[in-house]
Amino acid sequence: MDEYQVEPMAEGLARDTQAKYVCSQCWGGLYLELVEGTHYPNRSYRALCIKCGAATKGYTTQHYANKARERSAAELAEVRSAYHGLFEKRQTRAEIMHDLGF
């Protein structure tokens, strides 16, 4: 049984995938793994996530991932600005329980 969730591809397509795409799950970089039993000139590769490995489910463009990261960073800055000071105070467990009436 094949443990991989992504299909093998020709070397050229695999190199393009590695250069232009990231993991669709965690946006991690990709590495190429030679598929066993394939030999030159018909070698096949799988583009796998550096973090997810064989569990790689698919790919998304680096452009999309970078834009989404930028959006997330902007949203975080907006929340921090709107709730300034709220996240700076750390309460102990006892203080939280007291505030809840226990």
PDB file of N, CA and C in Angstrom:
ATOM      1  N   MET A   1       0.834  -1.177   0.000  1.00  0.00           N
ATOM      2  CA  MET A   1       0.000   0.000   0.000  1.00  0.00           C
ATOM      3  C   MET A   1       0.882   1.245   0.000  1.00  0.00           C
ATOM      4  N   ASP A   2       0.530   2.210  -0.833  1.00  0.00           N
ATOM      5  CA  ASP A   2       1.295   3.436  -0.951  1.00  0.00           C
ATOM      6  C   ASP A   2       0.949   4.372   0.198  1.00  0.00           C
ATOM      7  N   GLU A   3       1.946   4.754   0.988  1.00  0.00           N
ATOM      8  CA  GLU A   3       1.706   5.613   2.141  1.00  0.00           C
ATOM      9  C   GLU A   3       1.612   7.091   1.766  1.00  0.00           C
ATOM     10  N   TYR A   4       1.953   7.433   0.534  1.00  0.00           N
ATOM     11  CA  TYR A   4       1.988   8.830   0.114  1.00  0.00           C
ATOM     12  C   TYR A   4       0.627   9.297  -0.378  1.00  0.00           C
ATOM     13  N   GLN A   5       0.366  10.601  -0.171  1.00  0.00           N
ATOM     14  CA  GLN A   5      -0.905  11.177  -0.608  1.00  0.00           C
ATOM     15  C   GLN A   5      -0.750  12.041  -1.852  1.00  0.00           C
ATOM     16  N   VAL A   6       0.479  12.256  -2.300  1.00  0.00           N
ATOM     17  CA  VAL A   6       0.717  13.017  -3.525  1.00  0.00           C
ATOM     18  C   VAL A   6       1.273  12.079  -4.591  1.00  0.00           C
ATOM     19  N   GLU A   7       0.948  12.382  -5.826  1.00  0.00           N
ATOM     20  CA  GLU A   7       1.351  11.537  -6.947  1.00  0.00           C
ATOM     21  C   GLU A   7       2.790  11.832  -7.384  1.00  0.00           C
ATOM     22  N   PRO A   8       3.474  10.808  -7.887  1.00  0.00           N
ATOM     23  CA  PRO A   8       4.810  11.033  -8.455  1.00  0.00           C
ATOM     24  C   PRO A   8       4.698  11.890  -9.715  1.00  0.00           C
ATOM     25  N   MET A   9       5.783  12.585 -10.040  1.00  0.00           N
ATOM     26  CA  MET A   9       5.798  13.421 -11.241  1.00  0.00           C
ATOM     27  C   MET A   9       7.168  13.377 -11.888  1.00  0.00           C
ATOM     28  N   ALA A  10       7.214  13.770 -13.147  1.00  0.00           N
ATOM     29  CA  ALA A  10       8.475  13.820 -13.882  1.00  0.00           C
ATOM     30  C   ALA A  10       9.409  14.835 -13.230  1.00  0.00           C
ATOM     31  N   GLU A  11      10.703  14.667 -13.473  1.00  0.00           N
ATOM     32  CA  GLU A  11      11.706  15.502 -12.808  1.00  0.00           C
ATOM     33  C   GLU A  11      11.497  16.996 -13.050  1.00  0.00           C
ATOM     34  N   GLY A  12      11.234  17.414 -14.275  1.00  0.00           N
ATOM     35  CA  GLY A  12      11.046  18.836 -14.578  1.00  0.00           C
ATOM     36  C   GLY A  12       9.876  19.437 -13.825  1.00  0.00           C
ATOM     37  N   LEU A  13       8.745  18.731 -13.830  1.00  0.00           N
ATOM     38  CA  LEU A  13       7.573  19.209 -13.117  1.00  0.00           C
ATOM     39  C   LEU A  13       7.834  19.232 -11.610  1.00  0.00           C
ATOM     40  N   ALA A  14       8.547  18.224 -11.122  1.00  0.00           N
ATOM     41  CA  ALA A  14       8.857  18.167  -9.689  1.00  0.00           C
ATOM     42  C   ALA A  14       9.721  19.356  -9.276  1.00  0.00           C
ATOM     43  N   ARG A  15      10.712  19.695 -10.087  1.00  0.00           N
ATOM     44  CA  ARG A  15      11.584  20.835  -9.767  1.00  0.00           C
ATOM     45  C   ARG A  15      10.802  22.159  -9.824  1.00  0.00           C
ATOM     46  N   ASP A  16       9.913  22.301 -10.801  1.00  0.00           N
ATOM     47  CA  ASP A  16       9.062  23.498 -10.875  1.00  0.00           C
ATOM     48  C   ASP A  16       8.151  23.585  -9.655  1.00  0.00           C
ATOM     49  N   THR A  17       7.591  22.452  -9.250  1.00  0.00           N
ATOM     50  CA  THR A  17       6.715  22.409  -8.077  1.00  0.00           C
ATOM     51  C   THR A  17       7.482  22.836  -6.839  1.00  0.00           C
ATOM     52  N   GLN A  18       8.676  22.316  -6.692  1.00  0.00           N
ATOM     53  CA  GLN A  18       9.504  22.668  -5.539  1.00  0.00           C
ATOM     54  C   GLN A  18       9.838  24.160  -5.534  1.00  0.00           C
ATOM     55  N   ALA A  19      10.058  24.743  -6.686  1.00  0.00           N
ATOM     56  CA  ALA A  19      10.452  26.148  -6.781  1.00  0.00           C
ATOM     57  C   ALA A  19       9.293  27.115  -6.572  1.00  0.00           C
ATOM     58  N   LYS A  20       8.066  26.716  -6.970  1.00  0.00           N
ATOM     59  CA  LYS A  20       6.952  27.670  -6.999  1.00  0.00           C
ATOM     60  C   LYS A  20       5.844  27.407  -5.983  1.00  0.00           C
ATOM     61  N   TYR A  21       5.890  26.260  -5.312  1.00  0.00           N
ATOM     62  CA  TYR A  21       4.798  25.876  -4.429  1.00  0.00           C
ATOM     63  C   TYR A  21       5.294  25.577  -3.020  1.00  0.00           C
ATOM     64  N   VAL A  22       4.358  25.523  -2.080  1.00  0.00           N
ATOM     65  CA  VAL A  22       4.608  25.127  -0.698  1.00  0.00           C
ATOM     66  C   VAL A  22       3.536  24.125  -0.294  1.00  0.00           C
ATOM     67  N   CYS A  23       3.704  23.508   0.862  1.00  0.00           N
ATOM     68  CA  CYS A  23       2.729  22.553   1.387  1.00  0.00           C
ATOM     69  C   CYS A  23       1.390  23.249   1.608  1.00  0.00           C
ATOM     70  N   SER A  24       0.307  22.623   1.208  1.00  0.00           N
ATOM     71  CA  SER A  24      -1.019  23.229   1.369  1.00  0.00           C
ATOM     72  C   SER A  24      -1.496  23.194   2.819  1.00  0.00           C
ATOM     73  N   GLN A  25      -0.890  22.376   3.655  1.00  0.00           N
ATOM     74  CA  GLN A  25      -1.308  22.267   5.054  1.00  0.00           C
ATOM     75  C   GLN A  25      -0.605  23.261   5.963  1.00  0.00           C
ATOM     76  N   CYS A  26       0.735  23.340   5.842  1.00  0.00           N
ATOM     77  CA  CYS A  26       1.498  24.162   6.789  1.00  0.00           C
ATOM     78  C   CYS A  26       2.320  25.251   6.109  1.00  0.00           C
ATOM     79  N   TRP A  27       2.259  25.312   4.785  1.00  0.00           N
ATOM     80  CA  TRP A  27       3.005  26.270   3.966  1.00  0.00           C
ATOM     81  C   TRP A  27       4.514  26.078   4.103  1.00  0.00           C
ATOM     82  N   GLY A  28       4.917  24.867   4.463  1.00  0.00           N
ATOM     83  CA  GLY A  28       6.338  24.558   4.556  1.00  0.00           C
ATOM     84  C   GLY A  28       6.954  24.364   3.182  1.00  0.00           C
ATOM     85  N   GLY A  29       8.271  24.496   3.109  1.00  0.00           N
ATOM     86  CA  GLY A  29       9.002  24.278   1.863  1.00  0.00           C
ATOM     87  C   GLY A  29       8.947  22.816   1.445  1.00  0.00           C
ATOM     88  N   LEU A  30       9.290  22.562   0.200  1.00  0.00           N
ATOM     89  CA  LEU A  30       9.223  21.212  -0.360  1.00  0.00           C
ATOM     90  C   LEU A  30      10.616  20.681  -0.666  1.00  0.00           C
ATOM     91  N   TYR A  31      10.754  19.371  -0.586  1.00  0.00           N
ATOM     92  CA  TYR A  31      11.964  18.688  -1.051  1.00  0.00           C
ATOM     93  C   TYR A  31      11.530  17.583  -2.001  1.00  0.00           C
ATOM     94  N   LEU A  32      12.441  17.124  -2.844  1.00  0.00           N
ATOM     95  CA  LEU A  32      12.119  16.089  -3.812  1.00  0.00           C
ATOM     96  C   LEU A  32      12.641  14.742  -3.340  1.00  0.00           C
ATOM     97  N   GLU A  33      11.778  13.747  -3.466  1.00  0.00           N
ATOM     98  CA  GLU A  33      12.154  12.385  -3.107  1.00  0.00           C
ATOM     99  C   GLU A  33      12.031  11.515  -4.353  1.00  0.00           C
ATOM    100  N   LEU A  34      13.103  10.823  -4.685  1.00  0.00           N
ATOM    101  CA  LEU A  34      13.107   9.924  -5.835  1.00  0.00           C
ATOM    102  C   LEU A  34      12.197   8.739  -5.544  1.00  0.00           C
ATOM    103  N   VAL A  35      11.328   8.424  -6.490  1.00  0.00           N
ATOM    104  CA  VAL A  35      10.431   7.280  -6.326  1.00  0.00           C
ATOM    105  C   VAL A  35      11.221   6.003  -6.590  1.00  0.00           C
ATOM    106  N   GLU A  36      11.155   5.067  -5.648  1.00  0.00           N
ATOM    107  CA  GLU A  36      11.888   3.808  -5.782  1.00  0.00           C
ATOM    108  C   GLU A  36      11.497   3.080  -7.055  1.00  0.00           C
ATOM    109  N   GLY A  37      12.483   2.485  -7.687  1.00  0.00           N
ATOM    110  CA  GLY A  37      12.234   1.686  -8.876  1.00  0.00           C
ATOM    111  C   GLY A  37      12.210   2.486 -10.165  1.00  0.00           C
ATOM    112  N   THR A  38      12.406   3.795 -10.099  1.00  0.00           N
ATOM    113  CA  THR A  38      12.456   4.600 -11.317  1.00  0.00           C
ATOM    114  C   THR A  38      13.907   4.943 -11.609  1.00  0.00           C
ATOM    115  N   HIS A  39      14.262   4.919 -12.879  1.00  0.00           N
ATOM    116  CA  HIS A  39      15.650   5.114 -13.285  1.00  0.00           C
ATOM    117  C   HIS A  39      15.724   6.094 -14.448  1.00  0.00           C
ATOM    118  N   TYR A  40      16.893   6.700 -14.604  1.00  0.00           N
ATOM    119  CA  TYR A  40      17.135   7.632 -15.701  1.00  0.00           C
ATOM    120  C   TYR A  40      16.855   6.932 -17.016  1.00  0.00           C
ATOM    121  N   PRO A  41      16.219   7.504 -17.984  1.00  0.00           N
ATOM    122  CA  PRO A  41      15.754   8.887 -18.066  1.00  0.00           C
ATOM    123  C   PRO A  41      14.303   9.072 -17.600  1.00  0.00           C
ATOM    124  N   ASN A  42      13.705   8.044 -17.043  1.00  0.00           N
ATOM    125  CA  ASN A  42      12.295   8.122 -16.646  1.00  0.00           C
ATOM    126  C   ASN A  42      12.114   8.172 -15.129  1.00  0.00           C
ATOM    127  N   ARG A  43      13.001   8.881 -14.458  1.00  0.00           N
ATOM    128  CA  ARG A  43      12.878   8.994 -13.005  1.00  0.00           C
ATOM    129  C   ARG A  43      11.624   9.774 -12.638  1.00  0.00           C
ATOM    130  N   SER A  44      11.019   9.359 -11.540  1.00  0.00           N
ATOM    131  CA  SER A  44       9.863  10.072 -10.997  1.00  0.00           C
ATOM    132  C   SER A  44      10.196  10.535  -9.585  1.00  0.00           C
ATOM    133  N   TYR A  45       9.603  11.654  -9.226  1.00  0.00           N
ATOM    134  CA  TYR A  45       9.838  12.246  -7.914  1.00  0.00           C
ATOM    135  C   TYR A  45       8.507  12.599  -7.259  1.00  0.00           C
ATOM    136  N   ARG A  46       8.546  12.686  -5.951  1.00  0.00           N
ATOM    137  CA  ARG A  46       7.438  13.252  -5.192  1.00  0.00           C
ATOM    138  C   ARG A  46       7.967  14.524  -4.543  1.00  0.00           C
ATOM    139  N   ALA A  47       7.189  15.595  -4.597  1.00  0.00           N
ATOM    140  CA  ALA A  47       7.527  16.821  -3.898  1.00  0.00           C
ATOM    141  C   ALA A  47       6.845  16.734  -2.538  1.00  0.00           C
ATOM    142  N   LEU A  48       7.647  16.625  -1.488  1.00  0.00           N
ATOM    143  CA  LEU A  48       7.122  16.445  -0.138  1.00  0.00           C
ATOM    144  C   LEU A  48       7.497  17.624   0.755  1.00  0.00           C
ATOM    145  N   CYS A  49       6.641  17.908   1.702  1.00  0.00           N
ATOM    146  CA  CYS A  49       6.865  18.995   2.645  1.00  0.00           C
ATOM    147  C   CYS A  49       8.001  18.633   3.602  1.00  0.00           C
ATOM    148  N   ILE A  50       8.825  19.613   3.896  1.00  0.00           N
ATOM    149  CA  ILE A  50       9.929  19.415   4.833  1.00  0.00           C
ATOM    150  C   ILE A  50       9.412  19.020   6.211  1.00  0.00           C
ATOM    151  N   LYS A  51       8.243  19.570   6.612  1.00  0.00           N
ATOM    152  CA  LYS A  51       7.677  19.289   7.931  1.00  0.00           C
ATOM    153  C   LYS A  51       6.746  18.076   7.913  1.00  0.00           C
ATOM    154  N   CYS A  52       5.888  17.974   6.902  1.00  0.00           N
ATOM    155  CA  CYS A  52       4.842  16.935   6.876  1.00  0.00           C
ATOM    156  C   CYS A  52       5.314  15.614   6.272  1.00  0.00           C
ATOM    157  N   GLY A  53       6.347  15.639   5.452  1.00  0.00           N
ATOM    158  CA  GLY A  53       6.877  14.426   4.840  1.00  0.00           C
ATOM    159  C   GLY A  53       5.838  13.679   4.026  1.00  0.00           C
ATOM    160  N   ALA A  54       5.707  12.375   4.299  1.00  0.00           N
ATOM    161  CA  ALA A  54       4.795  11.518   3.542  1.00  0.00           C
ATOM    162  C   ALA A  54       3.334  11.921   3.710  1.00  0.00           C
ATOM    163  N   ALA A  55       3.038  12.706   4.743  1.00  0.00           N
ATOM    164  CA  ALA A  55       1.660  13.148   4.980  1.00  0.00           C
ATOM    165  C   ALA A  55       1.276  14.365   4.140  1.00  0.00           C
ATOM    166  N   THR A  56       2.182  14.829   3.268  1.00  0.00           N
ATOM    167  CA  THR A  56       1.885  15.970   2.396  1.00  0.00           C
ATOM    168  C   THR A  56       0.635  15.670   1.590  1.00  0.00           C
ATOM    169  N   LYS A  57      -0.360  16.563   1.661  1.00  0.00           N
ATOM    170  CA  LYS A  57      -1.635  16.336   0.968  1.00  0.00           C
ATOM    171  C   LYS A  57      -1.711  17.045  -0.368  1.00  0.00           C
ATOM    172  N   GLY A  58      -0.983  18.130  -0.530  1.00  0.00           N
ATOM    173  CA  GLY A  58      -1.046  18.891  -1.774  1.00  0.00           C
ATOM    174  C   GLY A  58      -0.211  20.142  -1.671  1.00  0.00           C
ATOM    175  N   TYR A  59      -0.406  21.036  -2.637  1.00  0.00           N
ATOM    176  CA  TYR A  59       0.429  22.221  -2.732  1.00  0.00           C
ATOM    177  C   TYR A  59      -0.428  23.462  -2.949  1.00  0.00           C
ATOM    178  N   THR A  60       0.135  24.604  -2.558  1.00  0.00           N
ATOM    179  CA  THR A  60      -0.440  25.902  -2.884  1.00  0.00           C
ATOM    180  C   THR A  60       0.722  26.793  -3.296  1.00  0.00           C
ATOM    181  N   THR A  61       0.441  27.831  -4.045  1.00  0.00           N
ATOM    182  CA  THR A  61       1.537  28.667  -4.536  1.00  0.00           C
ATOM    183  C   THR A  61       2.205  29.430  -3.404  1.00  0.00           C
ATOM    184  N   GLN A  62       3.482  29.684  -3.577  1.00  0.00           N
ATOM    185  CA  GLN A  62       4.218  30.489  -2.603  1.00  0.00           C
ATOM    186  C   GLN A  62       3.606  31.877  -2.524  1.00  0.00           C
ATOM    187  N   HIS A  63       3.130  32.400  -3.647  1.00  0.00           N
ATOM    188  CA  HIS A  63       2.512  33.725  -3.680  1.00  0.00           C
ATOM    189  C   HIS A  63       1.298  33.770  -2.755  1.00  0.00           C
ATOM    190  N   TYR A  64       0.429  32.771  -2.853  1.00  0.00           N
ATOM    191  CA  TYR A  64      -0.759  32.724  -1.995  1.00  0.00           C
ATOM    192  C   TYR A  64      -0.352  32.657  -0.518  1.00  0.00           C
ATOM    193  N   ALA A  65       0.586  31.781  -0.194  1.00  0.00           N
ATOM    194  CA  ALA A  65       1.013  31.619   1.199  1.00  0.00           C
ATOM    195  C   ALA A  65       1.615  32.915   1.739  1.00  0.00           C
ATOM    196  N   ASN A  66       2.422  33.602   0.936  1.00  0.00           N
ATOM    197  CA  ASN A  66       3.029  34.855   1.379  1.00  0.00           C
ATOM    198  C   ASN A  66       1.973  35.933   1.610  1.00  0.00           C
ATOM    199  N   LYS A  67       0.997  36.028   0.708  1.00  0.00           N
ATOM    200  CA  LYS A  67      -0.087  37.007   0.873  1.00  0.00           C
ATOM    201  C   LYS A  67      -0.911  36.694   2.124  1.00  0.00           C
ATOM    202  N   ALA A  68      -1.184  35.424   2.356  1.00  0.00           N
ATOM    203  CA  ALA A  68      -1.956  35.031   3.539  1.00  0.00           C
ATOM    204  C   ALA A  68      -1.180  35.339   4.816  1.00  0.00           C
ATOM    205  N   ARG A  69       0.130  35.132   4.812  1.00  0.00           N
ATOM    206  CA  ARG A  69       0.960  35.479   5.973  1.00  0.00           C
ATOM    207  C   ARG A  69       0.915  36.982   6.239  1.00  0.00           C
ATOM    208  N   GLU A  70       1.009  37.769   5.169  1.00  0.00           N
ATOM    209  CA  GLU A  70       0.942  39.225   5.308  1.00  0.00           C
ATOM    210  C   GLU A  70      -0.403  39.644   5.903  1.00  0.00           C
ATOM    211  N   ARG A  71      -1.490  39.054   5.404  1.00  0.00           N
ATOM    212  CA  ARG A  71      -2.823  39.353   5.908  1.00  0.00           C
ATOM    213  C   ARG A  71      -2.931  39.002   7.392  1.00  0.00           C
ATOM    214  N   SER A  72      -2.401  37.840   7.754  1.00  0.00           N
ATOM    215  CA  SER A  72      -2.445  37.404   9.158  1.00  0.00           C
ATOM    216  C   SER A  72      -1.654  38.348  10.054  1.00  0.00           C
ATOM    217  N   ALA A  73      -0.493  38.777   9.587  1.00  0.00           N
ATOM    218  CA  ALA A  73       0.331  39.701  10.378  1.00  0.00           C
ATOM    219  C   ALA A  73      -0.394  41.034  10.560  1.00  0.00           C
ATOM    220  N   ALA A  74      -1.068  41.508   9.505  1.00  0.00           N
ATOM    221  CA  ALA A  74      -1.812  42.769   9.602  1.00  0.00           C
ATOM    222  C   ALA A  74      -2.981  42.629  10.575  1.00  0.00           C
ATOM    223  N   GLU A  75      -3.667  41.496  10.532  1.00  0.00           N
ATOM    224  CA  GLU A  75      -4.779  41.262  11.453  1.00  0.00           C
ATOM    225  C   GLU A  75      -4.290  41.196  12.899  1.00  0.00           C
ATOM    226  N   LEU A  76      -3.163  40.553  13.125  1.00  0.00           N
ATOM    227  CA  LEU A  76      -2.592  40.474  14.466  1.00  0.00           C
ATOM    228  C   LEU A  76      -2.244  41.869  14.987  1.00  0.00           C
ATOM    229  N   ALA A  77      -1.637  42.686  14.132  1.00  0.00           N
ATOM    230  CA  ALA A  77      -1.290  44.049  14.537  1.00  0.00           C
ATOM    231  C   ALA A  77      -2.550  44.838  14.879  1.00  0.00           C
ATOM    232  N   GLU A  78      -3.614  44.652  14.114  1.00  0.00           N
ATOM    233  CA  GLU A  78      -4.874  45.347  14.365  1.00  0.00           C
ATOM    234  C   GLU A  78      -5.482  44.922  15.704  1.00  0.00           C
ATOM    235  N   VAL A  79      -5.464  43.628  15.982  1.00  0.00           N
ATOM    236  CA  VAL A  79      -6.007  43.126  17.250  1.00  0.00           C
ATOM    237  C   VAL A  79      -5.175  43.624  18.425  1.00  0.00           C
ATOM    238  N   ARG A  80      -3.869  43.576  18.297  1.00  0.00           N
ATOM    239  CA  ARG A  80      -3.004  44.070  19.381  1.00  0.00           C
ATOM    240  C   ARG A  80      -3.248  45.542  19.651  1.00  0.00           C
ATOM    241  N   SER A  81      -3.461  46.308  18.592  1.00  0.00           N
ATOM    242  CA  SER A  81      -3.733  47.740  18.749  1.00  0.00           C
ATOM    243  C   SER A  81      -5.086  47.973  19.417  1.00  0.00           C
ATOM    244  N   ALA A  82      -6.090  47.219  18.989  1.00  0.00           N
ATOM    245  CA  ALA A  82      -7.446  47.387  19.516  1.00  0.00           C
ATOM    246  C   ALA A  82      -7.554  46.946  20.976  1.00  0.00           C
ATOM    247  N   TYR A  83      -6.791  45.952  21.345  1.00  0.00           N
ATOM    248  CA  TYR A  83      -6.863  45.401  22.706  1.00  0.00           C
ATOM    249  C   TYR A  83      -5.566  45.645  23.470  1.00  0.00           C
ATOM    250  N   HIS A  84      -4.964  46.797  23.217  1.00  0.00           N
ATOM    251  CA  HIS A  84      -3.690  47.149  23.849  1.00  0.00           C
ATOM    252  C   HIS A  84      -3.770  46.984  25.369  1.00  0.00           C
ATOM    253  N   GLY A  85      -2.806  46.319  25.925  1.00  0.00           N
ATOM    254  CA  GLY A  85      -2.743  46.133  27.369  1.00  0.00           C
ATOM    255  C   GLY A  85      -3.454  44.900  27.866  1.00  0.00           C
ATOM    256  N   LEU A  86      -4.434  44.416  27.127  1.00  0.00           N
ATOM    257  CA  LEU A  86      -5.203  43.261  27.574  1.00  0.00           C
ATOM    258  C   LEU A  86      -4.347  42.000  27.642  1.00  0.00           C
ATOM    259  N   PHE A  87      -3.468  41.835  26.681  1.00  0.00           N
ATOM    260  CA  PHE A  87      -2.678  40.612  26.608  1.00  0.00           C
ATOM    261  C   PHE A  87      -1.403  40.676  27.442  1.00  0.00           C
ATOM    262  N   GLU A  88      -1.098  41.834  27.975  1.00  0.00           N
ATOM    263  CA  GLU A  88       0.136  41.986  28.735  1.00  0.00           C
ATOM    264  C   GLU A  88       0.014  41.466  30.157  1.00  0.00           C
ATOM    265  N   LYS A  89      -1.189  41.524  30.716  1.00  0.00           N
ATOM    266  CA  LYS A  89      -1.380  41.081  32.094  1.00  0.00           C
ATOM    267  C   LYS A  89      -1.584  39.573  32.127  1.00  0.00           C
ATOM    268  N   ARG A  90      -0.747  38.884  32.865  1.00  0.00           N
ATOM    269  CA  ARG A  90      -0.868  37.439  33.052  1.00  0.00           C
ATOM    270  C   ARG A  90      -1.367  37.172  34.461  1.00  0.00           C
ATOM    271  N   GLN A  91      -2.437  36.435  34.572  1.00  0.00           N
ATOM    272  CA  GLN A  91      -2.974  36.093  35.885  1.00  0.00           C
ATOM    273  C   GLN A  91      -2.563  34.679  36.254  1.00  0.00           C
ATOM    274  N   THR A  92      -2.439  34.485  37.540  1.00  0.00           N
ATOM    275  CA  THR A  92      -2.170  33.136  38.025  1.00  0.00           C
ATOM    276  C   THR A  92      -3.479  32.356  38.016  1.00  0.00           C
ATOM    277  N   ARG A  93      -3.377  31.072  38.166  1.00  0.00           N
ATOM    278  CA  ARG A  93      -4.573  30.226  38.211  1.00  0.00           C
ATOM    279  C   ARG A  93      -5.473  30.643  39.377  1.00  0.00           C
ATOM    280  N   ALA A  94      -4.867  30.941  40.503  1.00  0.00           N
ATOM    281  CA  ALA A  94      -5.619  31.351  41.699  1.00  0.00           C
ATOM    282  C   ALA A  94      -6.382  32.663  41.441  1.00  0.00           C
ATOM    283  N   GLU A  95      -5.764  33.606  40.757  1.00  0.00           N
ATOM    284  CA  GLU A  95      -6.417  34.881  40.441  1.00  0.00           C
ATOM    285  C   GLU A  95      -7.596  34.668  39.498  1.00  0.00           C
ATOM    286  N   ILE A  96      -7.410  33.820  38.536  1.00  0.00           N
ATOM    287  CA  ILE A  96      -8.504  33.530  37.596  1.00  0.00           C
ATOM    288  C   ILE A  96      -9.666  32.877  38.323  1.00  0.00           C
ATOM    289  N   MET A  97      -9.382  31.898  39.170  1.00  0.00           N
ATOM    290  CA  MET A  97     -10.442  31.226  39.921  1.00  0.00           C
ATOM    291  C   MET A  97     -11.155  32.206  40.847  1.00  0.00           C
ATOM    292  N   HIS A  98     -10.424  33.118  41.467  1.00  0.00           N
ATOM    293  CA  HIS A  98     -11.017  34.131  42.343  1.00  0.00           C
ATOM    294  C   HIS A  98     -11.943  35.045  41.536  1.00  0.00           C
ATOM    295  N   ASP A  99     -11.471  35.495  40.363  1.00  0.00           N
ATOM    296  CA  ASP A  99     -12.291  36.357  39.498  1.00  0.00           C
ATOM    297  C   ASP A  99     -13.568  35.656  39.044  1.00  0.00           C
ATOM    298  N   LEU A 100     -13.513  34.344  38.933  1.00  0.00           N
ATOM    299  CA  LEU A 100     -14.697  33.569  38.524  1.00  0.00           C
ATOM    300  C   LEU A 100     -15.616  33.234  39.710  1.00  0.00           C
ATOM    301  N   GLY A 101     -15.177  33.579  40.904  1.00  0.00           N
ATOM    302  CA  GLY A 101     -16.017  33.365  42.084  1.00  0.00           C
ATOM    303  C   GLY A 101     -15.779  32.056  42.788  1.00  0.00           C
ATOM    304  N   PHE A 102     -14.664  31.436  42.553  1.00  0.00           N
ATOM    305  CA  PHE A 102     -14.357  30.164  43.219  1.00  0.00           C
ATOM    306  C   PHE A 102     -13.351  30.350  44.323  1.00  0.00           C
TER     307      PHE A 102
END
